[in-house]
Amino acid sequence: MCKYKDTTLGIKKIDFNVKRGHMAFFLTDGRIVLVPVSMFPDVKRLTKAQREDYMIMDDQYFSFDALSRIYSVKDVLHY
């Protein structure tokens, strides 16, 4: 897991329906982080169906079947 400011963090779930134009990341410590989709241009270009086809790996990384790029929880927290 990611060690960030004395806290161990991971991603439990990603949701695109919490706030328009944003991705909501539900973290293992109970927090929800909203990030504008525009911060991830590759994700922004995906269709709604493609965005829903995501995968979380080891609680630390996420990607989409339609993309070859893998993002980390640090990418979310450093936006």
Protein backbone atom coordinates (compact mmCIF):
# COMPACT_ATOMS: atom_id res chain seq x y z
CA MET A 1 0.00 0.00 0.00
CA CYS A 2 0.98 3.59 -0.54
CA LYS A 3 2.51 5.28 2.48
CA TYR A 4 1.42 8.91 2.29
CA LYS A 5 1.90 11.34 5.17
CA ASP A 6 2.00 8.58 7.80
CA THR A 7 -1.10 6.91 6.38
CA THR A 8 -1.35 3.72 4.38
CA LEU A 9 -3.72 4.24 1.44
CA GLY A 10 -5.25 2.16 -1.28
CA ILE A 11 -8.11 2.44 -3.76
CA LYS A 12 -11.29 0.48 -3.09
CA LYS A 13 -13.54 1.80 -5.85
CA ILE A 14 -13.76 4.40 -8.63
CA ASP A 15 -17.03 6.14 -9.48
CA PHE A 16 -17.79 8.60 -12.27
CA ASN A 17 -21.33 9.39 -11.11
CA VAL A 18 -20.65 11.30 -7.87
CA LYS A 19 -19.98 14.70 -9.49
CA ARG A 20 -20.14 15.63 -13.17
CA GLY A 21 -16.71 15.84 -14.79
CA HIS A 22 -14.98 14.15 -11.86
CA MET A 23 -13.73 10.76 -10.80
CA ALA A 24 -14.44 9.78 -7.20
CA PHE A 25 -11.85 7.54 -5.61
CA PHE A 26 -13.00 5.66 -2.54
CA LEU A 27 -9.90 5.02 -0.46
CA THR A 28 -9.22 2.23 2.00
CA ASP A 29 -9.05 4.71 4.91
CA GLY A 30 -12.66 5.79 4.26
CA ARG A 31 -11.97 9.04 2.43
CA ILE A 32 -13.39 9.95 -0.95
CA VAL A 33 -11.16 12.01 -3.24
CA LEU A 34 -12.73 13.86 -6.18
CA VAL A 35 -10.42 14.50 -9.11
CA PRO A 36 -11.39 16.30 -12.34
CA VAL A 37 -11.37 13.86 -15.25
CA SER A 38 -9.48 16.54 -17.20
CA MET A 39 -6.41 15.75 -15.06
CA PHE A 40 -6.29 12.37 -16.82
CA PRO A 41 -6.62 13.20 -20.57
CA ASP A 42 -6.55 9.52 -21.62
CA VAL A 43 -9.45 8.75 -19.29
CA LYS A 44 -11.35 11.84 -20.42
CA ARG A 45 -11.38 10.50 -24.00
CA LEU A 46 -12.98 7.21 -22.96
CA THR A 47 -16.68 6.60 -23.46
CA LYS A 48 -18.92 6.16 -20.44
CA ALA A 49 -18.97 2.39 -20.98
CA GLN A 50 -15.17 2.26 -21.25
CA ARG A 51 -14.79 4.26 -18.03
CA GLU A 52 -16.93 1.75 -16.18
CA ASP A 53 -14.61 -1.05 -17.33
CA TYR A 54 -11.79 -0.26 -14.90
CA MET A 55 -9.61 -2.50 -12.78
CA ILE A 56 -7.84 -1.90 -9.48
CA MET A 57 -4.62 -3.81 -8.92
CA ASP A 58 -3.18 -4.42 -5.43
CA ASP A 59 -5.21 -1.45 -4.11
CA GLN A 60 -2.45 0.77 -5.52
CA TYR A 61 -2.95 0.95 -9.27
CA PHE A 62 -5.83 1.38 -11.64
CA SER A 63 -6.32 1.12 -15.36
CA PHE A 64 -9.04 0.66 -17.94
CA ASP A 65 -9.43 -2.15 -20.45
CA ALA A 66 -9.39 0.41 -23.27
CA LEU A 67 -6.06 1.92 -22.11
CA SER A 68 -2.56 0.52 -21.84
CA ARG A 69 -1.53 3.08 -19.20
CA ILE A 70 -1.53 2.20 -15.52
CA TYR A 71 -2.06 4.94 -12.91
CA SER A 72 -1.27 4.81 -9.21
CA VAL A 73 -2.93 6.11 -6.08
CA LYS A 74 -0.09 8.67 -5.94
CA ASP A 75 -1.26 10.08 -9.29
CA VAL A 76 -4.64 10.74 -7.68
CA LEU A 77 -3.22 12.34 -4.55
CA HIS A 78 -0.71 14.57 -6.36
CA TYR A 79 -3.09 16.19 -8.81
